[in-house]
Amino acid sequence: ESMVRLEHVAAMCSGVSLDRSVKLNDFNLYEGLGHDWFVSLSTNFYERVYSDLSAPWFRQLFLGSAKEDAIRNQYEWLIQRCGGPSLYTERKGHPGLLGNH
């Protein structure tokens, strides 16, 4: 028995191919910006989140995970959504972000 991925069902129902669903106006952000840009963006964001003492309510959203895990989760998800490889889904399954926060 093979597992059907949500993105495949969405592609079948919507008529939008998986390749097209991650492109914005025919520009692939991952190809345009490169892998390291997404890693840097995520690293900078979480460095600030974990060191910011002025908004404890926001920091508490991330207390359940190590900073390195939060960084990796974010850049893998962003890369996947912006036209790169499906790193997040391959490692963690479907990206149910609302259920994880």
PDB file of N, CA and C in Angstrom:
ATOM      1  N   GLU A   1       0.854  -1.183   0.000  1.00  0.00           N
ATOM      2  CA  GLU A   1       0.000   0.000   0.000  1.00  0.00           C
ATOM      3  C   GLU A   1       0.891   1.233   0.000  1.00  0.00           C
ATOM      4  N   SER A   2       0.661   2.137  -0.911  1.00  0.00           N
ATOM      5  CA  SER A   2       1.476   3.346  -0.957  1.00  0.00           C
ATOM      6  C   SER A   2       0.707   4.518  -0.355  1.00  0.00           C
ATOM      7  N   MET A   3       1.445   5.364   0.289  1.00  0.00           N
ATOM      8  CA  MET A   3       0.850   6.537   0.915  1.00  0.00           C
ATOM      9  C   MET A   3       0.691   7.647  -0.116  1.00  0.00           C
ATOM     10  N   VAL A   4      -0.472   8.265  -0.167  1.00  0.00           N
ATOM     11  CA  VAL A   4      -0.710   9.374  -1.082  1.00  0.00           C
ATOM     12  C   VAL A   4      -0.408  10.659  -0.332  1.00  0.00           C
ATOM     13  N   ARG A   5       0.464  11.453  -0.882  1.00  0.00           N
ATOM     14  CA  ARG A   5       0.846  12.715  -0.248  1.00  0.00           C
ATOM     15  C   ARG A   5      -0.200  13.781  -0.545  1.00  0.00           C
ATOM     16  N   LEU A   6      -0.426  14.638   0.425  1.00  0.00           N
ATOM     17  CA  LEU A   6      -1.415  15.699   0.310  1.00  0.00           C
ATOM     18  C   LEU A   6      -1.157  16.582  -0.909  1.00  0.00           C
ATOM     19  N   GLU A   7       0.113  16.895  -1.170  1.00  0.00           N
ATOM     20  CA  GLU A   7       0.400  17.773  -2.300  1.00  0.00           C
ATOM     21  C   GLU A   7       0.020  17.128  -3.637  1.00  0.00           C
ATOM     22  N   HIS A   8       0.088  15.785  -3.726  1.00  0.00           N
ATOM     23  CA  HIS A   8      -0.314  15.091  -4.952  1.00  0.00           C
ATOM     24  C   HIS A   8      -1.833  15.148  -5.119  1.00  0.00           C
ATOM     25  N   VAL A   9      -2.560  14.992  -4.023  1.00  0.00           N
ATOM     26  CA  VAL A   9      -4.014  15.091  -4.074  1.00  0.00           C
ATOM     27  C   VAL A   9      -4.419  16.511  -4.462  1.00  0.00           C
ATOM     28  N   ALA A  10      -3.756  17.499  -3.868  1.00  0.00           N
ATOM     29  CA  ALA A  10      -4.060  18.895  -4.196  1.00  0.00           C
ATOM     30  C   ALA A  10      -3.797  19.187  -5.667  1.00  0.00           C
ATOM     31  N   ALA A  11      -2.703  18.636  -6.192  1.00  0.00           N
ATOM     32  CA  ALA A  11      -2.392  18.842  -7.611  1.00  0.00           C
ATOM     33  C   ALA A  11      -3.456  18.207  -8.491  1.00  0.00           C
ATOM     34  N   MET A  12      -3.906  16.991  -8.149  1.00  0.00           N
ATOM     35  CA  MET A  12      -4.935  16.319  -8.943  1.00  0.00           C
ATOM     36  C   MET A  12      -6.251  17.104  -8.898  1.00  0.00           C
ATOM     37  N   CYS A  13      -6.624  17.565  -7.716  1.00  0.00           N
ATOM     38  CA  CYS A  13      -7.908  18.265  -7.558  1.00  0.00           C
ATOM     39  C   CYS A  13      -7.890  19.653  -8.185  1.00  0.00           C
ATOM     40  N   SER A  14      -6.759  20.341  -8.106  1.00  0.00           N
ATOM     41  CA  SER A  14      -6.701  21.721  -8.587  1.00  0.00           C
ATOM     42  C   SER A  14      -6.330  21.822 -10.053  1.00  0.00           C
ATOM     43  N   GLY A  15      -5.665  20.781 -10.560  1.00  0.00           N
ATOM     44  CA  GLY A  15      -5.188  20.852 -11.932  1.00  0.00           C
ATOM     45  C   GLY A  15      -3.882  21.626 -12.060  1.00  0.00           C
ATOM     46  N   VAL A  16      -3.290  22.019 -10.934  1.00  0.00           N
ATOM     47  CA  VAL A  16      -2.011  22.743 -10.933  1.00  0.00           C
ATOM     48  C   VAL A  16      -0.916  21.741 -10.613  1.00  0.00           C
ATOM     49  N   SER A  17       0.070  21.639 -11.481  1.00  0.00           N
ATOM     50  CA  SER A  17       1.144  20.677 -11.271  1.00  0.00           C
ATOM     51  C   SER A  17       1.968  21.050 -10.044  1.00  0.00           C
ATOM     52  N   LEU A  18       2.652  20.063  -9.471  1.00  0.00           N
ATOM     53  CA  LEU A  18       3.508  20.323  -8.319  1.00  0.00           C
ATOM     54  C   LEU A  18       4.595  21.344  -8.659  1.00  0.00           C
ATOM     55  N   ASP A  19       5.176  21.241  -9.845  1.00  0.00           N
ATOM     56  CA  ASP A  19       6.210  22.195 -10.242  1.00  0.00           C
ATOM     57  C   ASP A  19       5.677  23.618 -10.296  1.00  0.00           C
ATOM     58  N   ARG A  20       4.472  23.799 -10.818  1.00  0.00           N
ATOM     59  CA  ARG A  20       3.882  25.141 -10.921  1.00  0.00           C
ATOM     60  C   ARG A  20       3.448  25.671  -9.556  1.00  0.00           C
ATOM     61  N   SER A  21       3.101  24.791  -8.634  1.00  0.00           N
ATOM     62  CA  SER A  21       2.564  25.256  -7.356  1.00  0.00           C
ATOM     63  C   SER A  21       3.604  25.946  -6.485  1.00  0.00           C
ATOM     64  N   VAL A  22       4.877  25.756  -6.761  1.00  0.00           N
ATOM     65  CA  VAL A  22       5.913  26.398  -5.965  1.00  0.00           C
ATOM     66  C   VAL A  22       6.592  27.552  -6.690  1.00  0.00           C
ATOM     67  N   LYS A  23       6.071  27.924  -7.832  1.00  0.00           N
ATOM     68  CA  LYS A  23       6.653  29.038  -8.578  1.00  0.00           C
ATOM     69  C   LYS A  23       5.767  30.267  -8.456  1.00  0.00           C
ATOM     70  N   LEU A  24       6.397  31.408  -8.366  1.00  0.00           N
ATOM     71  CA  LEU A  24       5.687  32.680  -8.335  1.00  0.00           C
ATOM     72  C   LEU A  24       5.954  33.390  -9.651  1.00  0.00           C
ATOM     73  N   ASN A  25       4.928  33.539 -10.445  1.00  0.00           N
ATOM     74  CA  ASN A  25       5.055  34.237 -11.724  1.00  0.00           C
ATOM     75  C   ASN A  25       6.200  33.709 -12.588  1.00  0.00           C
ATOM     76  N   ASP A  26       6.297  32.394 -12.664  1.00  0.00           N
ATOM     77  CA  ASP A  26       7.312  31.726 -13.472  1.00  0.00           C
ATOM     78  C   ASP A  26       8.743  31.984 -13.013  1.00  0.00           C
ATOM     79  N   PHE A  27       8.924  32.548 -11.833  1.00  0.00           N
ATOM     80  CA  PHE A  27      10.261  32.749 -11.284  1.00  0.00           C
ATOM     81  C   PHE A  27      10.433  31.820 -10.097  1.00  0.00           C
ATOM     82  N   ASN A  28      11.418  30.974 -10.141  1.00  0.00           N
ATOM     83  CA  ASN A  28      11.692  30.044  -9.061  1.00  0.00           C
ATOM     84  C   ASN A  28      12.613  30.750  -8.062  1.00  0.00           C
ATOM     85  N   LEU A  29      12.066  31.098  -6.896  1.00  0.00           N
ATOM     86  CA  LEU A  29      12.839  31.830  -5.899  1.00  0.00           C
ATOM     87  C   LEU A  29      14.059  31.046  -5.421  1.00  0.00           C
ATOM     88  N   TYR A  30      13.901  29.744  -5.277  1.00  0.00           N
ATOM     89  CA  TYR A  30      15.028  28.940  -4.814  1.00  0.00           C
ATOM     90  C   TYR A  30      16.185  29.012  -5.810  1.00  0.00           C
ATOM     91  N   GLU A  31      15.881  28.864  -7.080  1.00  0.00           N
ATOM     92  CA  GLU A  31      16.937  28.936  -8.100  1.00  0.00           C
ATOM     93  C   GLU A  31      17.530  30.341  -8.169  1.00  0.00           C
ATOM     94  N   GLY A  32      16.681  31.353  -8.009  1.00  0.00           N
ATOM     95  CA  GLY A  32      17.153  32.731  -8.111  1.00  0.00           C
ATOM     96  C   GLY A  32      17.991  33.179  -6.925  1.00  0.00           C
ATOM     97  N   LEU A  33      17.606  32.747  -5.730  1.00  0.00           N
ATOM     98  CA  LEU A  33      18.298  33.209  -4.525  1.00  0.00           C
ATOM     99  C   LEU A  33      19.370  32.248  -4.028  1.00  0.00           C
ATOM    100  N   GLY A  34      19.171  30.975  -4.261  1.00  0.00           N
ATOM    101  CA  GLY A  34      20.149  29.972  -3.846  1.00  0.00           C
ATOM    102  C   GLY A  34      19.907  29.427  -2.443  1.00  0.00           C
ATOM    103  N   HIS A  35      20.390  28.239  -2.211  1.00  0.00           N
ATOM    104  CA  HIS A  35      20.200  27.511  -0.962  1.00  0.00           C
ATOM    105  C   HIS A  35      20.696  28.311   0.253  1.00  0.00           C
ATOM    106  N   ASP A  36      21.906  28.837   0.148  1.00  0.00           N
ATOM    107  CA  ASP A  36      22.522  29.516   1.286  1.00  0.00           C
ATOM    108  C   ASP A  36      21.740  30.753   1.724  1.00  0.00           C
ATOM    109  N   TRP A  37      21.039  31.412   0.802  1.00  0.00           N
ATOM    110  CA  TRP A  37      20.251  32.587   1.156  1.00  0.00           C
ATOM    111  C   TRP A  37      19.150  32.207   2.147  1.00  0.00           C
ATOM    112  N   PHE A  38      18.493  31.083   1.923  1.00  0.00           N
ATOM    113  CA  PHE A  38      17.420  30.641   2.815  1.00  0.00           C
ATOM    114  C   PHE A  38      17.965  30.217   4.178  1.00  0.00           C
ATOM    115  N   VAL A  39      19.134  29.588   4.192  1.00  0.00           N
ATOM    116  CA  VAL A  39      19.765  29.212   5.454  1.00  0.00           C
ATOM    117  C   VAL A  39      20.118  30.474   6.241  1.00  0.00           C
ATOM    118  N   SER A  40      20.685  31.449   5.565  1.00  0.00           N
ATOM    119  CA  SER A  40      21.070  32.704   6.214  1.00  0.00           C
ATOM    120  C   SER A  40      19.847  33.459   6.747  1.00  0.00           C
ATOM    121  N   LEU A  41      18.803  33.534   5.959  1.00  0.00           N
ATOM    122  CA  LEU A  41      17.575  34.210   6.381  1.00  0.00           C
ATOM    123  C   LEU A  41      17.016  33.557   7.647  1.00  0.00           C
ATOM    124  N   SER A  42      16.915  32.257   7.651  1.00  0.00           N
ATOM    125  CA  SER A  42      16.364  31.525   8.792  1.00  0.00           C
ATOM    126  C   SER A  42      17.273  31.644  10.014  1.00  0.00           C
ATOM    127  N   THR A  43      18.572  31.564   9.799  1.00  0.00           N
ATOM    128  CA  THR A  43      19.521  31.698  10.906  1.00  0.00           C
ATOM    129  C   THR A  43      19.419  33.077  11.533  1.00  0.00           C
ATOM    130  N   ASN A  44      19.405  34.114  10.727  1.00  0.00           N
ATOM    131  CA  ASN A  44      19.300  35.476  11.250  1.00  0.00           C
ATOM    132  C   ASN A  44      17.997  35.692  12.011  1.00  0.00           C
ATOM    133  N   PHE A  45      16.902  35.173  11.474  1.00  0.00           N
ATOM    134  CA  PHE A  45      15.611  35.313  12.133  1.00  0.00           C
ATOM    135  C   PHE A  45      15.628  34.668  13.516  1.00  0.00           C
ATOM    136  N   TYR A  46      16.053  33.407  13.583  1.00  0.00           N
ATOM    137  CA  TYR A  46      16.009  32.700  14.864  1.00  0.00           C
ATOM    138  C   TYR A  46      17.078  33.153  15.843  1.00  0.00           C
ATOM    139  N   GLU A  47      18.191  33.669  15.360  1.00  0.00           N
ATOM    140  CA  GLU A  47      19.173  34.287  16.269  1.00  0.00           C
ATOM    141  C   GLU A  47      18.508  35.453  17.004  1.00  0.00           C
ATOM    142  N   ARG A  48      17.725  36.216  16.277  1.00  0.00           N
ATOM    143  CA  ARG A  48      17.022  37.355  16.894  1.00  0.00           C
ATOM    144  C   ARG A  48      15.903  36.891  17.813  1.00  0.00           C
ATOM    145  N   VAL A  49      15.139  35.890  17.393  1.00  0.00           N
ATOM    146  CA  VAL A  49      14.042  35.378  18.218  1.00  0.00           C
ATOM    147  C   VAL A  49      14.563  34.878  19.558  1.00  0.00           C
ATOM    148  N   TYR A  50      15.598  34.065  19.519  1.00  0.00           N
ATOM    149  CA  TYR A  50      16.104  33.447  20.744  1.00  0.00           C
ATOM    150  C   TYR A  50      16.863  34.422  21.645  1.00  0.00           C
ATOM    151  N   SER A  51      17.314  35.547  21.099  1.00  0.00           N
ATOM    152  CA  SER A  51      18.039  36.519  21.933  1.00  0.00           C
ATOM    153  C   SER A  51      17.182  37.715  22.336  1.00  0.00           C
ATOM    154  N   ASP A  52      15.984  37.833  21.790  1.00  0.00           N
ATOM    155  CA  ASP A  52      15.113  38.981  22.069  1.00  0.00           C
ATOM    156  C   ASP A  52      14.385  38.789  23.400  1.00  0.00           C
ATOM    157  N   LEU A  53      14.704  39.622  24.358  1.00  0.00           N
ATOM    158  CA  LEU A  53      14.065  39.547  25.667  1.00  0.00           C
ATOM    159  C   LEU A  53      12.852  40.461  25.773  1.00  0.00           C
ATOM    160  N   SER A  54      12.599  41.261  24.743  1.00  0.00           N
ATOM    161  CA  SER A  54      11.512  42.244  24.815  1.00  0.00           C
ATOM    162  C   SER A  54      10.138  41.670  24.484  1.00  0.00           C
ATOM    163  N   ALA A  55      10.085  40.484  23.885  1.00  0.00           N
ATOM    164  CA  ALA A  55       8.798  39.886  23.507  1.00  0.00           C
ATOM    165  C   ALA A  55       8.747  38.426  23.966  1.00  0.00           C
ATOM    166  N   PRO A  56       8.608  38.202  25.272  1.00  0.00           N
ATOM    167  CA  PRO A  56       8.635  36.824  25.766  1.00  0.00           C
ATOM    168  C   PRO A  56       7.508  35.950  25.219  1.00  0.00           C
ATOM    169  N   TRP A  57       6.372  36.520  24.894  1.00  0.00           N
ATOM    170  CA  TRP A  57       5.263  35.733  24.335  1.00  0.00           C
ATOM    171  C   TRP A  57       5.660  35.106  23.005  1.00  0.00           C
ATOM    172  N   PHE A  58       6.481  35.831  22.222  1.00  0.00           N
ATOM    173  CA  PHE A  58       6.904  35.318  20.928  1.00  0.00           C
ATOM    174  C   PHE A  58       7.960  34.229  21.105  1.00  0.00           C
ATOM    175  N   ARG A  59       8.893  34.456  21.997  1.00  0.00           N
ATOM    176  CA  ARG A  59       9.932  33.455  22.262  1.00  0.00           C
ATOM    177  C   ARG A  59       9.326  32.152  22.748  1.00  0.00           C
ATOM    178  N   GLN A  60       8.266  32.231  23.509  1.00  0.00           N
ATOM    179  CA  GLN A  60       7.644  31.030  24.063  1.00  0.00           C
ATOM    180  C   GLN A  60       7.103  30.098  22.981  1.00  0.00           C
ATOM    181  N   LEU A  61       6.797  30.629  21.817  1.00  0.00           N
ATOM    182  CA  LEU A  61       6.347  29.784  20.714  1.00  0.00           C
ATOM    183  C   LEU A  61       7.405  28.754  20.322  1.00  0.00           C
ATOM    184  N   PHE A  62       8.662  29.080  20.586  1.00  0.00           N
ATOM    185  CA  PHE A  62       9.770  28.259  20.109  1.00  0.00           C
ATOM    186  C   PHE A  62      10.525  27.550  21.230  1.00  0.00           C
ATOM    187  N   LEU A  63      10.026  27.620  22.440  1.00  0.00           N
ATOM    188  CA  LEU A  63      10.734  27.017  23.566  1.00  0.00           C
ATOM    189  C   LEU A  63      10.797  25.494  23.484  1.00  0.00           C
ATOM    190  N   GLY A  64       9.883  24.888  22.761  1.00  0.00           N
ATOM    191  CA  GLY A  64       9.856  23.431  22.670  1.00  0.00           C
ATOM    192  C   GLY A  64      10.889  22.838  21.744  1.00  0.00           C
ATOM    193  N   SER A  65      11.637  23.680  21.042  1.00  0.00           N
ATOM    194  CA  SER A  65      12.638  23.133  20.124  1.00  0.00           C
ATOM    195  C   SER A  65      13.953  23.892  20.264  1.00  0.00           C
ATOM    196  N   ALA A  66      15.021  23.190  19.978  1.00  0.00           N
ATOM    197  CA  ALA A  66      16.343  23.813  19.990  1.00  0.00           C
ATOM    198  C   ALA A  66      16.422  24.813  18.839  1.00  0.00           C
ATOM    199  N   LYS A  67      17.219  25.826  19.034  1.00  0.00           N
ATOM    200  CA  LYS A  67      17.362  26.858  18.005  1.00  0.00           C
ATOM    201  C   LYS A  67      17.797  26.260  16.678  1.00  0.00           C
ATOM    202  N   GLU A  68      18.735  25.318  16.715  1.00  0.00           N
ATOM    203  CA  GLU A  68      19.234  24.706  15.481  1.00  0.00           C
ATOM    204  C   GLU A  68      18.128  23.955  14.745  1.00  0.00           C
ATOM    205  N   ASP A  69      17.231  23.304  15.509  1.00  0.00           N
ATOM    206  CA  ASP A  69      16.101  22.598  14.893  1.00  0.00           C
ATOM    207  C   ASP A  69      15.121  23.583  14.271  1.00  0.00           C
ATOM    208  N   ALA A  70      14.855  24.675  14.964  1.00  0.00           N
ATOM    209  CA  ALA A  70      13.938  25.690  14.436  1.00  0.00           C
ATOM    210  C   ALA A  70      14.492  26.292  13.148  1.00  0.00           C
ATOM    211  N   ILE A  71      15.778  26.568  13.140  1.00  0.00           N
ATOM    212  CA  ILE A  71      16.421  27.117  11.936  1.00  0.00           C
ATOM    213  C   ILE A  71      16.286  26.137  10.774  1.00  0.00           C
ATOM    214  N   ARG A  72      16.631  24.888  11.021  1.00  0.00           N
ATOM    215  CA  ARG A  72      16.567  23.874   9.950  1.00  0.00           C
ATOM    216  C   ARG A  72      15.142  23.689   9.457  1.00  0.00           C
ATOM    217  N   ASN A  73      14.181  23.601  10.367  1.00  0.00           N
ATOM    218  CA  ASN A  73      12.782  23.440   9.955  1.00  0.00           C
ATOM    219  C   ASN A  73      12.345  24.586   9.055  1.00  0.00           C
ATOM    220  N   GLN A  74      12.710  25.818   9.443  1.00  0.00           N
ATOM    221  CA  GLN A  74      12.266  26.953   8.655  1.00  0.00           C
ATOM    222  C   GLN A  74      12.925  26.992   7.283  1.00  0.00           C
ATOM    223  N   TYR A  75      14.249  26.833   7.222  1.00  0.00           N
ATOM    224  CA  TYR A  75      14.861  26.951   5.895  1.00  0.00           C
ATOM    225  C   TYR A  75      14.470  25.797   4.984  1.00  0.00           C
ATOM    226  N   GLU A  76      14.283  24.603   5.534  1.00  0.00           N
ATOM    227  CA  GLU A  76      13.841  23.498   4.678  1.00  0.00           C
ATOM    228  C   GLU A  76      12.430  23.731   4.165  1.00  0.00           C
ATOM    229  N   TRP A  77      11.550  24.254   5.013  1.00  0.00           N
ATOM    230  CA  TRP A  77      10.183  24.545   4.584  1.00  0.00           C
ATOM    231  C   TRP A  77      10.174  25.652   3.538  1.00  0.00           C
ATOM    232  N   LEU A  78      10.912  26.737   3.796  1.00  0.00           N
ATOM    233  CA  LEU A  78      10.966  27.839   2.826  1.00  0.00           C
ATOM    234  C   LEU A  78      11.538  27.377   1.489  1.00  0.00           C
ATOM    235  N   ILE A  79      12.597  26.604   1.529  1.00  0.00           N
ATOM    236  CA  ILE A  79      13.200  26.086   0.293  1.00  0.00           C
ATOM    237  C   ILE A  79      12.172  25.277  -0.490  1.00  0.00           C
ATOM    238  N   GLN A  80      11.464  24.409   0.202  1.00  0.00           N
ATOM    239  CA  GLN A  80      10.448  23.583  -0.458  1.00  0.00           C
ATOM    240  C   GLN A  80       9.355  24.439  -1.065  1.00  0.00           C
ATOM    241  N   ARG A  81       8.862  25.433  -0.347  1.00  0.00           N
ATOM    242  CA  ARG A  81       7.767  26.267  -0.826  1.00  0.00           C
ATOM    243  C   ARG A  81       8.203  27.215  -1.943  1.00  0.00           C
ATOM    244  N   CYS A  82       9.496  27.476  -2.033  1.00  0.00           N
ATOM    245  CA  CYS A  82       9.982  28.438  -3.030  1.00  0.00           C
ATOM    246  C   CYS A  82      10.643  27.761  -4.226  1.00  0.00           C
ATOM    247  N   GLY A  83      10.331  26.482  -4.443  1.00  0.00           N
ATOM    248  CA  GLY A  83      10.768  25.808  -5.660  1.00  0.00           C
ATOM    249  C   GLY A  83      11.971  24.912  -5.541  1.00  0.00           C
ATOM    250  N   GLY A  84      12.503  24.748  -4.350  1.00  0.00           N
ATOM    251  CA  GLY A  84      13.655  23.875  -4.162  1.00  0.00           C
ATOM    252  C   GLY A  84      13.230  22.448  -3.857  1.00  0.00           C
ATOM    253  N   PRO A  85      14.184  21.631  -3.461  1.00  0.00           N
ATOM    254  CA  PRO A  85      13.870  20.235  -3.145  1.00  0.00           C
ATOM    255  C   PRO A  85      12.966  20.131  -1.916  1.00  0.00           C
ATOM    256  N   SER A  86      12.243  19.038  -1.813  1.00  0.00           N
ATOM    257  CA  SER A  86      11.274  18.812  -0.729  1.00  0.00           C
ATOM    258  C   SER A  86      11.971  18.311   0.535  1.00  0.00           C
ATOM    259  N   LEU A  87      12.918  19.076   1.020  1.00  0.00           N
ATOM    260  CA  LEU A  87      13.711  18.668   2.182  1.00  0.00           C
ATOM    261  C   LEU A  87      12.851  18.486   3.426  1.00  0.00           C
ATOM    262  N   TYR A  88      11.955  19.432   3.661  1.00  0.00           N
ATOM    263  CA  TYR A  88      11.121  19.383   4.870  1.00  0.00           C
ATOM    264  C   TYR A  88      10.206  18.161   4.845  1.00  0.00           C
ATOM    265  N   THR A  89       9.498  17.967   3.751  1.00  0.00           N
ATOM    266  CA  THR A  89       8.562  16.850   3.646  1.00  0.00           C
ATOM    267  C   THR A  89       9.291  15.513   3.716  1.00  0.00           C
ATOM    268  N   GLU A  90      10.458  15.417   3.094  1.00  0.00           N
ATOM    269  CA  GLU A  90      11.215  14.171   3.125  1.00  0.00           C
ATOM    270  C   GLU A  90      11.652  13.816   4.541  1.00  0.00           C
ATOM    271  N   ARG A  91      11.948  14.822   5.349  1.00  0.00           N
ATOM    272  CA  ARG A  91      12.441  14.568   6.700  1.00  0.00           C
ATOM    273  C   ARG A  91      11.326  14.491   7.730  1.00  0.00           C
ATOM    274  N   LYS A  92      10.284  15.325   7.588  1.00  0.00           N
ATOM    275  CA  LYS A  92       9.281  15.440   8.644  1.00  0.00           C
ATOM    276  C   LYS A  92       7.864  15.098   8.216  1.00  0.00           C
ATOM    277  N   GLY A  93       7.624  14.880   6.939  1.00  0.00           N
ATOM    278  CA  GLY A  93       6.267  14.655   6.472  1.00  0.00           C
ATOM    279  C   GLY A  93       5.622  15.973   6.070  1.00  0.00           C
ATOM    280  N   HIS A  94       4.320  15.931   5.879  1.00  0.00           N
ATOM    281  CA  HIS A  94       3.603  17.122   5.422  1.00  0.00           C
ATOM    282  C   HIS A  94       3.803  18.282   6.391  1.00  0.00           C
ATOM    283  N   PRO A  95       4.067  19.486   5.835  1.00  0.00           N
ATOM    284  CA  PRO A  95       4.324  20.641   6.706  1.00  0.00           C
ATOM    285  C   PRO A  95       3.045  21.232   7.317  1.00  0.00           C
ATOM    286  N   GLY A  96       2.549  20.628   8.365  1.00  0.00           N
ATOM    287  CA  GLY A  96       1.369  21.139   9.072  1.00  0.00           C
ATOM    288  C   GLY A  96       1.769  22.172  10.105  1.00  0.00           C
ATOM    289  N   LEU A  97       2.195  23.337   9.654  1.00  0.00           N
ATOM    290  CA  LEU A  97       2.752  24.332  10.556  1.00  0.00           C
ATOM    291  C   LEU A  97       1.782  24.779  11.644  1.00  0.00           C
ATOM    292  N   LEU A  98       0.524  24.963  11.309  1.00  0.00           N
ATOM    293  CA  LEU A  98      -0.421  25.397  12.324  1.00  0.00           C
ATOM    294  C   LEU A  98      -0.554  24.379  13.444  1.00  0.00           C
ATOM    295  N   GLY A  99      -0.527  23.129  13.104  1.00  0.00           N
ATOM    296  CA  GLY A  99      -0.633  22.096  14.121  1.00  0.00           C
ATOM    297  C   GLY A  99       0.624  21.948  14.956  1.00  0.00           C
ATOM    298  N   ASN A 100       1.745  22.445  14.439  1.00  0.00           N
ATOM    299  CA  ASN A 100       3.017  22.326  15.150  1.00  0.00           C
ATOM    300  C   ASN A 100       3.334  23.525  16.031  1.00  0.00           C
ATOM    301  N   HIS A 101       2.576  24.592  15.919  1.00  0.00           N
ATOM    302  CA  HIS A 101       2.854  25.787  16.718  1.00  0.00           C
ATOM    303  C   HIS A 101       1.808  25.977  17.780  1.00  0.00           C
TER     304      HIS A 101
END
